[in-house]
Amino acid sequence: MSSNFLRTLAIATIGGLALVWGNISQAADATKPTVVFVHGAWADGSGWEPVASAVASKGYKVVVVQNPLSSLGADVEATRRAIVNHPGPVVLVGHSWGGVVITEAGTHDQVSALVYVAAFGPDAGESVSSLLAAKGAPQPPGLANIRADSTGYLWLTMDGIQRDFAQDVPAAKSWFLGVSQVPIFSKAFDEKVANVGWKSKPSWYVVATEDRMIPPPAQELFAKRMGATTSRVASSHVPMLSKSAEVTQAVLAAAESSVKR
């Protein structure tokens, strides 16, 4: 293979990437807030793809955080980096454990709104463990399928993924969610929230009525006490995959509200 050919290929590739990047940049409206998506446990940012793509098509710049899932502090720091790296207002969107993260990170001055999707919405001094252990709290079926490894990280069994985590997505997709899952360090669930973004920022909540990981009554409680604009979808724990249009609608409502403020 000649050096001239390689040089030509490199120039063409770089030029093509620049063109694609330029088109993405031009599509975003600088007058609109940046929408930052935060994933939960046993997942990564790719689960947000259907919703993030739909939101971006409306002219919003989107950022998908990749949480280390090693501690609440580490995940909050990853989210804060995403916030400060993008000037102007930011809408935070959190799924599941990501709700804890955006609650803590949501007090940042740039954050204009919060969107919780089948997510924990803790108050100050609360942790995931304390919420699940609260008197009268319903115990979700999915808890029975969590396993700890020798390093202290928690995994979901494949049966748990397919039956309790993503029971309403195609079998091939739920299988891939299982084999590509990202474990969370067990002690993260014991970490208490110190700062509560939803007390000072407008919030939206998407309740997944068929959720087997966070009981729907608990989701209703979170939404009610934060005074969130609430919508409900007949979905498993992953409505951003099984009901992406409805989740997109809630995210856009929050983002559009931020534009008007």
Protein backbone atom coordinates (compact mmCIF):
# COMPACT_ATOMS: atom_id res chain seq x y z
CA MET A 1 0.00 0.00 0.00
CA SER A 2 1.62 3.24 -1.13
CA SER A 3 2.25 6.25 1.11
CA ASN A 4 0.31 8.44 -1.36
CA PHE A 5 -2.75 6.23 -0.99
CA LEU A 6 -2.54 6.35 2.81
CA ARG A 7 -2.15 10.12 2.73
CA THR A 8 -5.18 10.48 0.46
CA LEU A 9 -7.22 8.15 2.68
CA ALA A 10 -6.28 10.12 5.80
CA ILE A 11 -7.23 13.43 4.21
CA ALA A 12 -10.56 12.04 3.02
CA THR A 13 -11.34 10.53 6.42
CA ILE A 14 -10.49 13.67 8.35
CA GLY A 15 -12.46 15.77 5.91
CA GLY A 16 -15.46 13.47 6.23
CA LEU A 17 -15.35 13.58 10.02
CA ALA A 18 -15.10 17.36 9.95
CA LEU A 19 -18.15 17.52 7.68
CA VAL A 20 -20.20 15.25 9.95
CA TRP A 21 -19.15 17.15 13.07
CA GLY A 22 -19.93 20.43 11.35
CA ASN A 23 -23.43 19.27 10.49
CA ILE A 24 -24.07 18.16 14.08
CA SER A 25 -22.80 21.47 15.44
CA GLN A 26 -24.91 23.48 13.02
CA ALA A 27 -28.04 21.55 14.00
CA ALA A 28 -27.84 22.68 17.62
CA ASP A 29 -29.54 25.98 18.51
CA ALA A 30 -27.31 28.09 20.78
CA THR A 31 -30.38 29.72 22.34
CA LYS A 32 -31.55 26.39 23.74
CA PRO A 33 -30.29 24.61 26.87
CA THR A 34 -27.96 21.63 26.67
CA VAL A 35 -29.66 18.39 27.68
CA VAL A 36 -27.44 16.12 29.77
CA PHE A 37 -28.49 12.47 30.14
CA VAL A 38 -27.36 10.45 33.18
CA HIS A 39 -27.73 6.66 33.19
CA GLY A 40 -28.35 4.35 36.13
CA ALA A 41 -26.91 1.16 37.55
CA TRP A 42 -26.29 -1.92 35.38
CA ALA A 43 -26.28 0.27 32.29
CA ASP A 44 -24.26 2.80 30.38
CA GLY A 45 -25.08 5.89 28.38
CA SER A 46 -26.02 3.99 25.22
CA GLY A 47 -29.45 3.27 26.68
CA TRP A 48 -30.32 6.92 26.13
CA GLU A 49 -29.70 6.74 22.37
CA PRO A 50 -33.37 6.75 21.20
CA VAL A 51 -34.30 9.71 23.38
CA ALA A 52 -31.04 11.64 22.93
CA SER A 53 -31.29 11.34 19.15
CA ALA A 54 -34.91 12.54 19.15
CA VAL A 55 -34.08 15.51 21.38
CA ALA A 56 -31.06 16.43 19.25
CA SER A 57 -33.27 16.40 16.14
CA LYS A 58 -35.21 19.28 17.71
CA GLY A 59 -32.13 21.49 17.78
CA TYR A 60 -30.89 20.79 21.29
CA LYS A 61 -27.29 19.97 22.05
CA VAL A 62 -27.17 16.70 23.98
CA VAL A 63 -24.49 15.15 26.17
CA VAL A 64 -24.61 11.59 27.52
CA VAL A 65 -22.62 11.06 30.73
CA GLN A 66 -20.77 7.79 31.27
CA ASN A 67 -20.90 7.19 35.01
CA PRO A 68 -18.08 5.18 36.62
CA LEU A 69 -20.65 3.72 39.07
CA SER A 70 -17.92 3.52 41.71
CA SER A 71 -19.52 5.98 44.14
CA LEU A 72 -22.13 8.70 44.29
CA GLY A 73 -19.37 11.29 44.47
CA ALA A 74 -17.64 9.98 41.35
CA ASP A 75 -20.89 9.93 39.36
CA VAL A 76 -21.81 13.43 40.49
CA GLU A 77 -18.36 14.65 39.47
CA ALA A 78 -18.76 13.10 36.02
CA THR A 79 -22.08 14.89 35.65
CA ARG A 80 -20.69 18.20 36.87
CA ARG A 81 -17.92 17.99 34.29
CA ALA A 82 -20.58 17.65 31.60
CA ILE A 83 -22.38 20.69 32.99
CA VAL A 84 -19.40 23.06 33.20
CA ASN A 85 -18.02 22.01 29.82
CA HIS A 86 -21.12 23.40 28.12
CA PRO A 87 -21.87 27.07 28.76
CA GLY A 88 -25.41 28.18 29.40
CA PRO A 89 -28.45 26.48 30.91
CA VAL A 90 -28.50 22.70 31.30
CA VAL A 91 -31.41 20.28 31.69
CA LEU A 92 -30.43 17.15 33.62
CA VAL A 93 -32.19 13.88 32.82
CA GLY A 94 -31.64 10.90 35.14
CA HIS A 95 -32.77 7.29 35.00
CA SER A 96 -32.97 5.04 38.07
CA TRP A 97 -29.74 5.55 40.10
CA GLY A 98 -29.16 8.53 37.81
CA GLY A 99 -31.97 10.26 39.70
CA VAL A 100 -29.79 10.27 42.82
CA VAL A 101 -26.94 11.73 40.78
CA ILE A 102 -28.96 14.55 39.23
CA THR A 103 -30.53 15.36 42.61
CA GLU A 104 -27.05 16.05 44.02
CA ALA A 105 -25.66 17.69 40.87
CA GLY A 106 -28.84 19.62 40.19
CA THR A 107 -28.03 22.47 42.56
CA HIS A 108 -25.39 23.74 40.12
CA ASP A 109 -26.17 27.28 38.93
CA GLN A 110 -26.33 26.23 35.27
CA VAL A 111 -29.03 23.62 35.85
CA SER A 112 -32.43 24.97 34.82
CA ALA A 113 -34.59 21.83 35.12
CA LEU A 114 -34.52 18.19 36.19
CA VAL A 115 -36.19 15.20 34.54
CA TYR A 116 -36.54 11.92 36.44
CA VAL A 117 -37.26 8.78 34.42
CA ALA A 118 -38.26 5.78 36.58
CA ALA A 119 -35.72 7.20 39.01
CA PHE A 120 -34.95 7.61 42.67
CA GLY A 121 -35.69 11.14 43.90
CA PRO A 122 -34.10 11.32 47.35
CA ASP A 123 -34.32 14.13 49.87
CA ALA A 124 -31.38 15.34 51.96
CA GLY A 125 -29.99 12.61 54.20
CA GLU A 126 -31.56 9.81 52.18
CA SER A 127 -29.82 7.05 50.25
CA VAL A 128 -31.07 4.31 47.95
CA SER A 129 -30.65 1.83 50.80
CA SER A 130 -32.63 3.96 53.23
CA LEU A 131 -35.43 4.48 50.72
CA LEU A 132 -35.73 0.76 50.06
CA ALA A 133 -35.62 -0.03 53.79
CA ALA A 134 -38.16 2.61 54.81
CA LYS A 135 -41.10 1.36 56.84
CA GLY A 136 -43.91 0.30 54.55
CA ALA A 137 -41.79 0.60 51.41
CA PRO A 138 -42.81 -2.06 48.86
CA GLN A 139 -39.99 -4.43 47.92
CA PRO A 140 -39.50 -4.68 44.16
CA PRO A 141 -39.15 -8.17 42.66
CA GLY A 142 -35.92 -7.21 40.92
CA LEU A 143 -33.99 -7.02 44.18
CA ALA A 144 -33.96 -10.81 44.38
CA ASN A 145 -31.83 -10.98 41.25
CA ILE A 146 -28.95 -8.77 42.42
CA ARG A 147 -25.66 -10.56 43.06
CA ALA A 148 -22.46 -9.22 44.66
CA ASP A 149 -19.05 -10.28 43.37
CA SER A 150 -15.83 -10.64 45.37
CA THR A 151 -14.87 -7.00 44.76
CA GLY A 152 -18.06 -5.53 46.19
CA TYR A 153 -19.74 -4.70 42.88
CA LEU A 154 -23.36 -5.60 42.23
CA TRP A 155 -24.66 -7.37 39.12
CA LEU A 156 -28.09 -8.36 37.87
CA THR A 157 -28.63 -11.94 36.76
CA MET A 158 -29.66 -12.46 33.17
CA ASP A 159 -33.04 -13.65 34.41
CA GLY A 160 -33.34 -10.42 36.38
CA ILE A 161 -32.52 -8.32 33.32
CA GLN A 162 -35.03 -10.09 31.12
CA ARG A 163 -37.83 -10.53 33.65
CA ASP A 164 -37.56 -7.53 35.98
CA PHE A 165 -35.35 -4.88 34.35
CA ALA A 166 -36.37 -4.83 30.69
CA GLN A 167 -39.26 -7.26 30.33
CA ASP A 168 -40.97 -5.23 27.60
CA VAL A 169 -38.08 -4.89 25.14
CA PRO A 170 -37.27 -7.50 22.46
CA ALA A 171 -35.50 -10.59 23.79
CA ALA A 172 -32.36 -9.93 21.75
CA LYS A 173 -32.13 -6.44 23.19
CA SER A 174 -32.67 -7.53 26.79
CA TRP A 175 -30.03 -10.24 26.30
CA PHE A 176 -27.53 -7.62 25.14
CA LEU A 177 -28.41 -5.39 28.08
CA GLY A 178 -27.54 -8.33 30.30
CA VAL A 179 -24.19 -9.18 28.76
CA SER A 180 -23.13 -5.53 28.47
CA GLN A 181 -24.30 -4.39 31.90
CA VAL A 182 -22.05 -2.20 34.03
CA PRO A 183 -22.00 -3.19 37.73
CA ILE A 184 -22.29 -0.62 40.51
CA PHE A 185 -20.22 -0.58 43.69
CA SER A 186 -22.50 -1.75 46.51
CA LYS A 187 -21.55 1.01 48.96
CA ALA A 188 -22.80 3.66 46.52
CA PHE A 189 -26.34 2.71 47.52
CA ASP A 190 -25.52 3.65 51.12
CA GLU A 191 -24.25 7.15 50.28
CA LYS A 192 -26.60 9.90 51.42
CA VAL A 193 -27.58 12.91 49.38
CA ALA A 194 -26.45 16.23 50.85
CA ASN A 195 -27.79 18.71 48.26
CA VAL A 196 -31.21 18.50 46.67
CA GLY A 197 -31.66 20.07 43.28
CA TRP A 198 -35.38 19.48 42.98
CA LYS A 199 -36.06 21.79 45.90
CA SER A 200 -34.96 24.81 43.89
CA LYS A 201 -35.37 23.71 40.24
CA PRO A 202 -38.52 22.78 38.30
CA SER A 203 -38.82 19.04 37.87
CA TRP A 204 -40.50 16.51 35.61
CA TYR A 205 -41.09 12.84 36.42
CA VAL A 206 -41.91 9.90 34.14
CA VAL A 207 -43.47 7.09 36.21
CA ALA A 208 -43.04 3.58 34.78
CA THR A 209 -46.22 1.82 35.89
CA GLU A 210 -44.93 -1.73 35.22
CA ASP A 211 -41.54 -1.21 36.87
CA ARG A 212 -40.17 -4.19 38.82
CA MET A 213 -36.99 -2.45 40.04
CA ILE A 214 -38.35 0.77 41.62
CA PRO A 215 -41.98 0.24 42.71
CA PRO A 216 -44.40 2.57 40.91
CA PRO A 217 -45.93 3.75 44.25
CA ALA A 218 -42.45 4.89 45.31
CA GLN A 219 -42.04 6.74 42.02
CA GLU A 220 -45.38 8.45 42.59
CA LEU A 221 -44.19 9.50 46.05
CA PHE A 222 -40.95 10.94 44.67
CA ALA A 223 -42.84 12.89 42.03
CA LYS A 224 -45.42 14.20 44.47
CA ARG A 225 -43.03 15.50 47.09
CA MET A 226 -40.86 17.27 44.53
CA GLY A 227 -43.93 18.85 42.95
CA ALA A 228 -42.92 17.44 39.58
CA THR A 229 -44.89 17.66 36.37
CA THR A 230 -45.75 13.98 36.14
CA SER A 231 -46.54 11.64 33.26
CA ARG A 232 -47.08 7.89 33.33
CA VAL A 233 -46.17 5.18 30.84
CA ALA A 234 -47.01 1.47 30.88
CA SER A 235 -43.39 0.44 30.87
CA SER A 236 -40.72 -1.66 32.52
CA HIS A 237 -37.77 -0.04 34.30
CA VAL A 238 -36.39 1.14 30.95
CA PRO A 239 -39.05 3.41 29.39
CA MET A 240 -36.35 5.27 27.44
CA LEU A 241 -36.06 2.06 25.39
CA SER A 242 -39.61 0.71 25.38
CA LYS A 243 -41.52 4.03 25.40
CA SER A 244 -38.94 6.42 24.01
CA ALA A 245 -41.49 8.75 22.38
CA GLU A 246 -43.24 9.42 25.69
CA VAL A 247 -39.94 9.98 27.52
CA THR A 248 -38.79 12.31 24.75
CA GLN A 249 -41.98 14.32 25.17
CA ALA A 250 -41.27 14.88 28.86
CA VAL A 251 -37.65 15.85 28.21
CA LEU A 252 -38.67 18.31 25.51
CA ALA A 253 -41.29 19.84 27.80
CA ALA A 254 -38.61 20.51 30.41
CA ALA A 255 -36.19 21.85 27.82
CA GLU A 256 -38.79 24.09 26.21
CA SER A 257 -39.73 25.46 29.62
CA SER A 258 -36.09 26.37 30.16
CA VAL A 259 -36.02 28.28 26.87
CA LYS A 260 -38.99 30.38 27.98
CA ARG A 261 -37.56 31.25 31.40
